[in-house]
Amino acid sequence: MRKALRWLLTLVVLIGTVSAAGSTAGAATAAEPATGTDIKDRILAIPGMSLIEEKPYPGYRYFVLNYTQPVDHRHPDKGTFKQRITLLHKDTNRPTVFFTSGYNVSTTPRRSEPTAIIDGNQVSLEYRFFTPSRPDPANWSKLDIWQAASDQHRVFTALKKVYAKNWLATGGSKGGMTATYYERFYPRDMDGIVAYVAPNDVVNQEDSAYDRFFTKVGTKECRDKLNAVQREALVRREPLEARYQAAAATEGYTFTTVGSLDKAYEAVVLDYVWAFWQYSLVADCEAIPVAATATDQEIYDSIDAISGFSFYTDQGLGTYTPYYYQAGTELGSPDIKQPHLGNLSRYGYQPPRNFVPRDIPMHFKPWVMDDVDSWVRHNARRMMFVYGQNDPWGAEQFRLGRTARDSYVYVAPGANHGANVAGLVAEQKAKATASILKWAGVAPAAVQEDAAKAKPLTTYDAKLDKRDIEREPTLRP
């Protein structure tokens, strides 16, 4: 989970809760606002909102903004920070999707899959403590899932006055986790949740589900090929580390946080198999070298291409300090056995503590994920979880109990960490699409009568709907 684990690595001033459920109040479009005020002016009239820039995109208005948030929502008088958000504005008379990645916010116009399905607006939020949305000084004890959910709640409360139609929350991986946590703490805000490939590490010390996953994923031939390259990288540690050392000297890499080049090297190698299945498909196994006959350079290049030797350097880890802090305090992290490595591993799967500067205190709270899991099982309403069959992060999924209502867990066959509704089997794809349209309040009459007729309300836009998996040289969700 480090490539993924780097995984387990949401816009105003305090305002009361406003429920999004069932809202039908009308509003104006940017082209012809009923209030006579341009949409930008309406947004910037919100206390604490400021404009960074506006970027043109056909059919939309796109804004990059800052929003003033309290560092501590329990004590809002104890300091504030500016949190970046983006707004893809379609029409105030359309529903809105609240998107979070759980990391930095992209400032390039993009539509999440639910946004395209419902033809709506999209608000995207940078997760607190990811630069530049970091308080100064940084009190790391204020980086937790409740504070982050409260960020989202304040943004929603402010923008709901402009975007009065239904709202859905979504995100992938850590973003899917973020959408789920938001629903747990503020269940009256959203009209529906669509969480993609969201890990659910309920008991941090119990990771056997991952071990079972790696004995079955893909084909035996592919598994054996990957395991052999990973093992060979540890057998040839000395010559391959010499290459790593040369690269570090050339690039200026340092290893203060993780402790040594040797620890960084092994962390990258141990990520190799996980990272392959997170980002690749069975067909990609053809490009994996045959360990027994591969040169040192071929082994090194394969590990670098899939795991990324730059990541466990100080320069690579810095961006993801907030993720590793959360993994080591609330989210949990995976620890898989990898028996094919025998006694070649010196450190095993290293804990998040190893990837966070030592001057930042960390203490794990084991009850946090158990609380979320229990709440989802018993209280889920209009929640959807989508996983990929071959994605390691899906080994520990959110599950629904008997008291959950209008909620679903889907698995896309053969899919990796980029699993989505479009990749589901036909019947499930239609059912999931129909649910999203209904929750957003825009399901055509034909879809309300027959879910099989459900389809996105927009046409595909190659730039706006680009859905490349965010591939960072890290093991994180």
Protein backbone atom coordinates (compact mmCIF):
# COMPACT_ATOMS: atom_id res chain seq x y z
CA MET A 1 0.00 0.00 0.00
CA ARG A 2 2.95 2.25 -0.09
CA LYS A 3 2.65 2.87 -3.83
CA ALA A 4 -0.74 2.48 -2.76
CA LEU A 5 0.34 2.93 0.88
CA ARG A 6 1.76 6.05 0.17
CA TRP A 7 -1.78 5.51 0.25
CA LEU A 8 -2.94 4.87 3.24
CA LEU A 9 -0.70 9.09 1.95
CA THR A 10 -12.50 17.92 2.35
CA LEU A 11 -14.73 25.49 0.77
CA VAL A 12 -15.29 30.38 4.14
CA VAL A 13 -16.02 31.19 7.63
CA LEU A 14 -17.94 29.14 10.21
CA ILE A 15 -21.54 28.61 9.11
CA GLY A 16 -24.19 26.23 10.35
CA THR A 17 -25.02 22.92 8.74
CA VAL A 18 -27.23 23.00 5.67
CA SER A 19 -28.81 19.76 4.51
CA ALA A 20 -28.44 18.95 0.83
CA ALA A 21 -31.05 16.22 0.89
CA GLY A 22 -34.05 16.86 -1.27
CA SER A 23 -33.07 20.43 -2.16
CA THR A 24 -34.79 21.75 -5.24
CA ALA A 25 -34.25 25.49 -5.03
CA GLY A 26 -33.50 27.06 -8.40
CA ALA A 27 -30.51 29.25 -9.25
CA ALA A 28 -29.03 31.14 -12.18
CA THR A 29 -26.60 30.17 -14.90
CA ALA A 30 -23.33 32.02 -15.41
CA ALA A 31 -24.56 33.29 -18.76
CA GLU A 32 -27.87 34.62 -17.50
CA PRO A 33 -27.86 34.95 -13.69
CA ALA A 34 -31.26 35.68 -12.19
CA THR A 35 -29.59 37.83 -9.55
CA GLY A 36 -27.81 39.93 -12.17
CA THR A 37 -24.47 38.98 -10.60
CA ASP A 38 -21.74 37.08 -12.40
CA ILE A 39 -20.95 33.67 -10.91
CA LYS A 40 -17.42 34.75 -10.04
CA ASP A 41 -18.77 37.70 -8.06
CA ARG A 42 -21.23 35.45 -6.25
CA ILE A 43 -18.46 33.04 -5.27
CA LEU A 44 -16.08 35.79 -4.18
CA ALA A 45 -18.83 37.37 -2.08
CA ILE A 46 -18.56 34.36 0.24
CA PRO A 47 -16.61 35.41 3.37
CA GLY A 48 -13.11 33.94 3.31
CA MET A 49 -13.13 33.12 -0.43
CA SER A 50 -10.46 34.60 -2.70
CA LEU A 51 -9.50 34.09 -6.33
CA ILE A 52 -6.15 32.66 -7.39
CA GLU A 53 -6.95 32.49 -11.10
CA GLU A 54 -9.68 31.74 -13.66
CA LYS A 55 -8.89 29.44 -16.56
CA PRO A 56 -11.03 29.20 -19.71
CA TYR A 57 -12.69 25.93 -20.74
CA PRO A 58 -15.46 25.57 -23.36
CA GLY A 59 -18.90 25.25 -21.79
CA TYR A 60 -17.66 25.93 -18.26
CA ARG A 61 -16.17 28.56 -15.97
CA TYR A 62 -13.15 27.22 -14.08
CA PHE A 63 -11.80 28.90 -10.95
CA VAL A 64 -8.84 28.18 -8.69
CA LEU A 65 -9.62 29.62 -5.26
CA ASN A 66 -8.45 29.93 -1.68
CA TYR A 67 -10.81 29.52 1.24
CA THR A 68 -10.00 30.52 4.80
CA GLN A 69 -10.43 27.62 7.23
CA PRO A 70 -9.83 27.31 10.97
CA VAL A 71 -6.82 25.20 11.87
CA ASP A 72 -8.96 23.58 14.56
CA HIS A 73 -12.72 23.39 13.92
CA ARG A 74 -13.31 22.80 17.64
CA HIS A 75 -11.49 26.03 18.47
CA PRO A 76 -11.90 28.30 15.43
CA ASP A 77 -10.39 31.25 17.28
CA LYS A 78 -7.00 29.55 17.41
CA GLY A 79 -5.73 30.41 13.93
CA THR A 80 -6.66 29.95 10.28
CA PHE A 81 -5.06 28.79 7.02
CA LYS A 82 -5.88 29.08 3.34
CA GLN A 83 -7.14 25.90 1.66
CA ARG A 84 -7.12 25.60 -2.12
CA ILE A 85 -10.25 24.63 -3.98
CA THR A 86 -11.22 24.53 -7.62
CA LEU A 87 -14.66 25.08 -9.11
CA LEU A 88 -15.75 23.73 -12.48
CA HIS A 89 -18.93 25.76 -12.96
CA LYS A 90 -21.59 24.49 -15.35
CA ASP A 91 -24.85 26.02 -14.14
CA THR A 92 -26.23 26.82 -10.71
CA ASN A 93 -29.38 24.98 -11.76
CA ARG A 94 -27.43 21.71 -12.10
CA PRO A 95 -26.37 19.31 -9.29
CA THR A 96 -22.85 19.50 -7.90
CA VAL A 97 -20.16 16.90 -7.24
CA PHE A 98 -17.75 17.42 -4.33
CA PHE A 99 -14.48 15.73 -5.35
CA THR A 100 -11.45 15.03 -3.19
CA SER A 101 -8.28 13.12 -4.02
CA GLY A 102 -7.16 13.06 -0.40
CA TYR A 103 -3.95 14.76 -1.53
CA ASN A 104 -3.12 17.91 -3.47
CA VAL A 105 -5.77 19.44 -5.73
CA SER A 106 -5.13 19.55 -9.47
CA THR A 107 -5.47 23.00 -11.02
CA THR A 108 -6.17 21.55 -14.48
CA PRO A 109 -9.88 21.33 -15.41
CA ARG A 110 -11.11 17.76 -15.01
CA ARG A 111 -14.47 16.01 -14.55
CA SER A 112 -14.79 13.07 -12.21
CA GLU A 113 -16.92 10.22 -13.51
CA PRO A 114 -20.01 11.20 -11.44
CA THR A 115 -19.71 14.79 -12.71
CA ALA A 116 -19.83 13.56 -16.30
CA ILE A 117 -22.70 11.18 -15.54
CA ILE A 118 -24.93 13.89 -14.05
CA ASP A 119 -23.70 16.81 -16.22
CA GLY A 120 -23.03 18.88 -13.14
CA ASN A 121 -20.70 21.33 -11.44
CA GLN A 122 -17.63 20.11 -9.62
CA VAL A 123 -15.98 21.46 -6.49
CA SER A 124 -12.54 19.96 -5.75
CA LEU A 125 -10.76 20.39 -2.43
CA GLU A 126 -7.11 20.09 -1.46
CA TYR A 127 -6.64 18.00 1.66
CA ARG A 128 -5.43 19.94 4.69
CA PHE A 129 -1.66 19.93 5.36
CA PHE A 130 -0.79 19.21 1.71
CA THR A 131 1.26 22.16 0.53
CA PRO A 132 0.25 24.97 0.09
CA SER A 133 -2.89 24.18 2.16
CA ARG A 134 -0.85 23.81 5.34
CA PRO A 135 -1.13 25.93 8.50
CA ASP A 136 2.00 27.79 9.53
CA PRO A 137 3.14 26.76 12.03
CA ALA A 138 1.91 23.24 11.37
CA ASN A 139 0.26 21.65 14.41
CA TRP A 140 0.17 18.08 13.14
CA SER A 141 -2.29 16.99 15.83
CA LYS A 142 -4.93 18.89 13.80
CA LEU A 143 -4.46 16.57 10.82
CA ASP A 144 -7.16 13.97 11.31
CA ILE A 145 -10.20 12.69 9.44
CA TRP A 146 -12.71 14.67 11.54
CA GLN A 147 -10.92 17.97 10.93
CA ALA A 148 -10.73 17.19 7.21
CA ALA A 149 -14.44 16.26 7.08
CA SER A 150 -15.18 19.55 8.84
CA ASP A 151 -13.23 21.38 6.11
CA GLN A 152 -15.56 19.82 3.55
CA HIS A 153 -18.64 20.61 5.61
CA ARG A 154 -17.76 24.30 5.79
CA VAL A 155 -17.07 24.49 2.06
CA PHE A 156 -20.36 22.76 1.29
CA THR A 157 -22.30 24.96 3.71
CA ALA A 158 -20.94 28.10 2.05
CA LEU A 159 -21.40 26.96 -1.56
CA LYS A 160 -24.79 25.35 -1.05
CA LYS A 161 -26.20 28.89 -0.96
CA VAL A 162 -25.06 29.29 -4.58
CA TYR A 163 -25.44 25.69 -5.78
CA ALA A 164 -28.80 24.73 -4.29
CA LYS A 165 -29.47 21.51 -6.20
CA ASN A 166 -28.38 18.04 -5.04
CA TRP A 167 -24.77 17.30 -4.09
CA LEU A 168 -22.75 14.07 -4.35
CA ALA A 169 -19.34 13.42 -2.80
CA THR A 170 -16.76 11.34 -4.63
CA GLY A 171 -13.09 10.49 -4.81
CA GLY A 172 -10.73 7.65 -5.63
CA SER A 173 -8.47 5.73 -3.25
CA LYS A 174 -7.62 8.08 -0.37
CA GLY A 175 -10.18 10.40 -1.95
CA GLY A 176 -12.78 7.64 -1.72
CA MET A 177 -11.85 7.17 1.91
CA THR A 178 -12.20 10.94 2.42
CA ALA A 179 -15.70 10.96 0.89
CA THR A 180 -16.67 8.08 3.17
CA TYR A 181 -15.34 9.77 6.31
CA TYR A 182 -17.16 12.98 5.37
CA GLU A 183 -20.43 11.04 5.17
CA ARG A 184 -19.75 9.39 8.50
CA PHE A 185 -19.34 12.75 10.32
CA TYR A 186 -21.79 14.89 8.29
CA PRO A 187 -24.42 12.44 6.98
CA ARG A 188 -26.97 15.17 6.24
CA ASP A 189 -24.79 17.12 3.80
CA MET A 190 -24.65 14.94 0.70
CA ASP A 191 -27.39 13.28 -1.36
CA GLY A 192 -25.10 10.40 -2.27
CA ILE A 193 -21.53 9.09 -2.03
CA VAL A 194 -19.55 7.42 -4.83
CA ALA A 195 -16.28 6.09 -3.38
CA TYR A 196 -13.81 4.48 -5.75
CA VAL A 197 -11.17 1.89 -4.71
CA ALA A 198 -11.33 3.00 -1.04
CA PRO A 199 -9.28 0.81 1.35
CA ASN A 200 -10.79 -0.03 4.71
CA ASP A 201 -8.06 -1.12 7.15
CA VAL A 202 -10.23 -1.78 10.19
CA VAL A 203 -7.65 -3.67 12.27
CA ASN A 204 -4.17 -2.38 11.46
CA GLN A 205 -2.35 -5.45 12.79
CA GLU A 206 -4.49 -7.91 10.80
CA ASP A 207 -3.36 -7.93 7.17
CA SER A 208 -3.94 -11.55 6.12
CA ALA A 209 -6.47 -10.40 3.49
CA TYR A 210 -3.58 -8.90 1.53
CA ASP A 211 -1.55 -12.09 1.82
CA ARG A 212 -4.49 -14.10 0.44
CA PHE A 213 -4.95 -11.58 -2.37
CA PHE A 214 -1.36 -12.00 -3.59
CA THR A 215 -1.71 -15.79 -3.80
CA LYS A 216 -4.66 -15.49 -6.21
CA VAL A 217 -4.37 -12.27 -8.22
CA GLY A 218 -3.90 -12.55 -11.98
CA THR A 219 -2.26 -15.74 -13.22
CA LYS A 220 0.29 -18.00 -11.54
CA GLU A 221 2.69 -17.37 -14.39
CA CYS A 222 2.53 -13.61 -13.84
CA ARG A 223 2.79 -13.91 -10.06
CA ASP A 224 5.84 -16.15 -10.31
CA LYS A 225 7.53 -13.83 -12.79
CA LEU A 226 7.06 -10.77 -10.59
CA ASN A 227 8.13 -12.60 -7.43
CA ALA A 228 11.30 -13.80 -9.15
CA VAL A 229 12.34 -10.29 -10.22
CA GLN A 230 11.64 -8.93 -6.74
CA ARG A 231 13.68 -11.69 -5.12
CA GLU A 232 16.52 -11.23 -7.61
CA ALA A 233 16.68 -7.52 -6.77
CA LEU A 234 17.52 -8.48 -3.18
CA VAL A 235 19.94 -11.23 -4.20
CA ARG A 236 21.79 -8.64 -6.32
CA ARG A 237 21.50 -5.93 -3.69
CA GLU A 238 25.18 -4.90 -3.82
CA PRO A 239 25.54 -4.14 -7.54
CA LEU A 240 22.07 -2.65 -7.82
CA GLU A 241 22.59 -0.42 -4.80
CA ALA A 242 25.75 0.83 -6.48
CA ARG A 243 23.57 1.97 -9.38
CA TYR A 244 21.16 3.57 -6.92
CA GLN A 245 24.04 5.36 -5.20
CA ALA A 246 25.24 6.72 -8.53
CA ALA A 247 21.76 7.96 -9.38
CA ALA A 248 21.46 9.57 -5.93
CA ALA A 249 24.74 11.41 -6.43
CA THR A 250 23.64 12.65 -9.85
CA GLU A 251 20.17 13.75 -8.74
CA GLY A 252 21.11 15.03 -5.29
CA TYR A 253 19.00 12.51 -3.42
CA THR A 254 19.35 12.27 0.37
CA PHE A 255 17.96 9.71 2.83
CA THR A 256 17.66 11.45 6.21
CA THR A 257 13.99 10.57 6.84
CA VAL A 258 14.11 6.88 5.98
CA GLY A 259 17.56 6.54 7.52
CA SER A 260 19.80 5.12 4.82
CA LEU A 261 20.07 4.31 1.12
CA ASP A 262 19.86 0.62 2.03
CA LYS A 263 16.50 1.08 3.76
CA ALA A 264 15.20 3.15 0.84
CA TYR A 265 16.40 0.56 -1.66
CA GLU A 266 14.65 -2.29 0.09
CA ALA A 267 11.43 -0.28 0.55
CA VAL A 268 11.30 0.30 -3.21
CA VAL A 269 11.96 -3.37 -3.97
CA LEU A 270 9.30 -4.55 -1.51
CA ASP A 271 6.77 -2.27 -3.21
CA TYR A 272 7.39 -3.88 -6.60
CA VAL A 273 4.71 -6.60 -6.72
CA TRP A 274 2.07 -4.46 -5.01
CA ALA A 275 2.76 -1.55 -7.33
CA PHE A 276 2.51 -3.72 -10.42
CA TRP A 277 -0.98 -4.94 -9.57
CA GLN A 278 -2.11 -1.49 -8.43
CA TYR A 279 -1.24 0.17 -11.74
CA SER A 280 -0.90 -2.58 -14.34
CA LEU A 281 -2.87 -5.39 -15.96
CA VAL A 282 -2.17 -9.09 -16.50
CA ALA A 283 -1.24 -8.31 -20.11
CA ASP A 284 1.60 -6.08 -18.87
CA CYS A 285 3.41 -9.11 -17.47
CA GLU A 286 4.90 -9.67 -20.91
CA ALA A 287 7.18 -6.67 -20.32
CA ILE A 288 8.57 -8.05 -17.03
CA PRO A 289 12.10 -9.48 -17.50
CA VAL A 290 12.90 -13.13 -16.80
CA ALA A 291 14.87 -12.88 -13.58
CA ALA A 292 17.20 -15.81 -14.20
CA THR A 293 18.57 -14.37 -17.45
CA ALA A 294 18.08 -10.61 -16.89
CA THR A 295 21.04 -8.28 -16.58
CA ASP A 296 21.54 -6.13 -13.51
CA GLN A 297 20.40 -3.12 -15.53
CA GLU A 298 17.21 -4.88 -16.66
CA ILE A 299 16.33 -5.78 -13.07
CA TYR A 300 17.10 -2.25 -11.89
CA ASP A 301 15.10 -0.64 -14.69
CA SER A 302 12.05 -2.84 -14.07
CA ILE A 303 12.04 -2.06 -10.35
CA ASP A 304 12.51 1.64 -11.08
CA ALA A 305 9.74 1.77 -13.69
CA ILE A 306 7.18 0.09 -11.43
CA SER A 307 8.20 1.15 -7.90
CA GLY A 308 10.31 4.26 -8.47
CA PHE A 309 13.74 4.60 -6.86
CA SER A 310 13.22 8.33 -6.33
CA PHE A 311 10.36 7.95 -3.89
CA TYR A 312 11.93 6.99 -0.56
CA THR A 313 14.43 9.80 -0.84
CA ASP A 314 13.86 12.93 1.23
CA GLN A 315 12.94 14.68 -1.99
CA GLY A 316 10.30 12.08 -2.88
CA LEU A 317 8.80 11.63 0.58
CA GLY A 318 8.38 15.33 1.38
CA THR A 319 5.16 15.81 -0.58
CA TYR A 320 3.53 12.86 1.14
CA THR A 321 4.40 13.55 4.77
CA PRO A 322 0.70 14.28 5.53
CA TYR A 323 -0.32 10.92 4.09
CA TYR A 324 2.22 8.92 6.05
CA TYR A 325 1.34 10.85 9.18
CA GLN A 326 -2.32 9.85 8.75
CA ALA A 327 -1.40 6.26 7.92
CA GLY A 328 0.57 6.07 11.14
CA THR A 329 -2.03 7.79 13.34
CA GLU A 330 -5.48 6.76 12.03
CA LEU A 331 -5.70 5.15 8.58
CA GLY A 332 -3.46 2.15 9.13
CA SER A 333 -1.07 0.57 6.64
CA PRO A 334 -0.52 -2.89 5.15
CA ASP A 335 2.21 -5.32 6.15
CA ILE A 336 2.40 -8.31 3.81
CA LYS A 337 4.52 -11.40 4.35
CA GLN A 338 6.08 -12.06 0.87
CA PRO A 339 7.42 -15.55 1.81
CA HIS A 340 9.19 -15.92 -1.56
CA LEU A 341 11.82 -13.47 -0.29
CA GLY A 342 12.97 -15.84 2.44
CA ASN A 343 15.54 -14.16 4.70
CA LEU A 344 16.68 -11.68 2.06
CA SER A 345 14.68 -8.82 3.53
CA ARG A 346 16.44 -6.89 6.27
CA TYR A 347 13.61 -4.57 7.29
CA GLY A 348 10.32 -6.05 6.11
CA TYR A 349 7.48 -3.70 5.17
CA GLN A 350 8.53 -0.55 6.95
CA PRO A 351 5.90 1.32 9.02
CA PRO A 352 4.72 4.87 8.25
CA ARG A 353 6.81 6.17 11.15
CA ASN A 354 9.91 5.54 8.99
CA PHE A 355 8.65 7.96 6.32
CA VAL A 356 7.78 10.93 8.54
CA PRO A 357 10.46 13.28 9.93
CA ARG A 358 11.26 12.35 13.52
CA ASP A 359 10.44 15.82 14.86
CA ILE A 360 6.76 15.20 14.06
CA PRO A 361 5.19 13.15 16.91
CA MET A 362 2.88 10.27 15.98
CA HIS A 363 0.55 8.07 18.05
CA PHE A 364 -1.76 5.49 16.46
CA LYS A 365 -5.49 5.56 17.37
CA PRO A 366 -6.84 2.07 16.61
CA TRP A 367 -10.49 2.93 17.30
CA VAL A 368 -10.85 5.44 14.45
CA MET A 369 -11.18 3.06 11.49
CA ASP A 370 -13.27 0.63 13.52
CA ASP A 371 -15.75 3.45 14.20
CA VAL A 372 -16.01 4.35 10.50
CA ASP A 373 -16.38 0.72 9.44
CA SER A 374 -19.12 0.09 11.98
CA TRP A 375 -20.96 3.27 10.98
CA VAL A 376 -20.89 2.37 7.26
CA ARG A 377 -22.06 -1.18 7.89
CA HIS A 378 -25.08 -0.09 9.92
CA ASN A 379 -25.93 3.41 8.66
CA ALA A 380 -24.99 3.64 4.98
CA ARG A 381 -27.60 5.50 2.95
CA ARG A 382 -27.09 6.14 -0.77
CA MET A 383 -23.46 5.06 -0.67
CA MET A 384 -21.63 3.29 -3.52
CA PHE A 385 -18.23 1.60 -3.37
CA VAL A 386 -16.46 0.57 -6.58
CA TYR A 387 -13.37 -1.68 -6.52
CA GLY A 388 -11.04 -3.33 -9.03
CA GLN A 389 -10.72 -7.11 -8.98
CA ASN A 390 -6.92 -7.01 -9.33
CA ASP A 391 -6.24 -3.97 -7.13
CA PRO A 392 -4.40 -4.84 -3.89
CA TRP A 393 -6.10 -1.99 -2.07
CA GLY A 394 -9.44 -3.72 -2.60
CA ALA A 395 -8.37 -6.70 -0.48
CA GLU A 396 -9.86 -4.88 2.53
CA GLN A 397 -13.11 -3.29 1.36
CA PHE A 398 -15.98 -1.42 2.92
CA ARG A 399 -18.88 -3.79 3.41
CA LEU A 400 -22.56 -3.21 4.02
CA GLY A 401 -24.72 -4.64 6.80
CA ARG A 402 -28.39 -5.56 6.76
CA THR A 403 -29.48 -2.11 7.89
CA ALA A 404 -27.73 -0.27 5.03
CA ARG A 405 -30.18 1.27 2.55
CA ASP A 406 -29.87 2.06 -1.16
CA SER A 407 -26.13 1.31 -0.94
CA TYR A 408 -23.92 -0.94 -3.05
CA VAL A 409 -20.47 -2.53 -3.41
CA TYR A 410 -19.34 -3.27 -6.97
CA VAL A 411 -16.19 -4.96 -8.27
CA ALA A 412 -14.95 -4.31 -11.81
CA PRO A 413 -13.58 -7.55 -13.32
CA GLY A 414 -9.88 -7.51 -14.17
CA ALA A 415 -9.56 -3.85 -13.15
CA ASN A 416 -6.75 -2.25 -11.17
CA HIS A 417 -6.65 0.91 -9.03
CA GLY A 418 -8.34 2.81 -11.85
CA ALA A 419 -11.60 0.87 -11.51
CA ASN A 420 -14.75 2.87 -12.25
CA VAL A 421 -18.44 2.50 -13.06
CA ALA A 422 -17.70 2.34 -16.78
CA GLY A 423 -15.67 -0.84 -16.16
CA LEU A 424 -18.44 -2.78 -14.42
CA VAL A 425 -20.33 -5.56 -16.15
CA ALA A 426 -23.25 -4.20 -18.20
CA GLU A 427 -26.06 -4.82 -15.71
CA GLN A 428 -24.13 -3.37 -12.76
CA LYS A 429 -22.90 -0.43 -14.86
CA ALA A 430 -26.48 0.53 -15.73
CA LYS A 431 -27.68 0.05 -12.15
CA ALA A 432 -24.82 2.13 -10.73
CA THR A 433 -25.32 4.88 -13.31
CA ALA A 434 -29.05 4.96 -12.55
CA SER A 435 -28.33 5.30 -8.82
CA ILE A 436 -25.99 8.24 -9.41
CA LEU A 437 -28.55 9.98 -11.61
CA LYS A 438 -31.34 9.40 -9.07
CA TRP A 439 -29.27 10.60 -6.10
CA ALA A 440 -28.36 13.74 -8.05
CA GLY A 441 -32.05 14.35 -8.83
CA VAL A 442 -31.56 14.27 -12.62
CA ALA A 443 -32.65 10.76 -13.60
CA PRO A 444 -34.85 10.90 -16.73
CA ALA A 445 -38.30 9.34 -16.39
CA ALA A 446 -37.23 6.40 -18.53
CA VAL A 447 -34.34 5.64 -16.14
CA GLN A 448 -36.58 5.89 -13.10
CA GLU A 449 -38.75 3.20 -14.65
CA ASP A 450 -35.93 1.04 -16.02
CA ALA A 451 -32.34 1.28 -14.76
CA ALA A 452 -31.09 -0.57 -17.84
CA LYS A 453 -31.66 2.65 -19.81
CA ALA A 454 -29.25 4.68 -17.67
CA LYS A 455 -26.30 6.40 -19.34
CA PRO A 456 -24.20 9.53 -18.71
CA LEU A 457 -25.87 12.84 -19.53
CA THR A 458 -22.70 14.19 -21.19
CA THR A 459 -20.60 13.09 -24.13
CA TYR A 460 -16.97 12.11 -23.62
CA ASP A 461 -14.43 14.94 -23.57
CA ALA A 462 -10.89 13.68 -24.13
CA LYS A 463 -9.29 16.41 -21.98
CA LEU A 464 -11.92 17.00 -19.35
CA ASP A 465 -12.60 13.31 -18.76
CA LYS A 466 -9.01 12.11 -18.81
CA ARG A 467 -8.84 9.41 -16.17
CA ASP A 468 -5.21 8.35 -16.04
CA ILE A 469 -4.47 6.72 -12.73
CA GLU A 470 -2.36 9.07 -10.67
CA ARG A 471 0.84 7.08 -10.83
CA GLU A 472 3.31 8.28 -8.27
CA PRO A 473 6.49 6.36 -7.43
CA THR A 474 5.04 5.43 -4.08
CA LEU A 475 3.04 2.73 -2.36
CA ARG A 476 -0.06 4.59 -1.24
CA PRO A 477 -3.79 4.55 -1.95
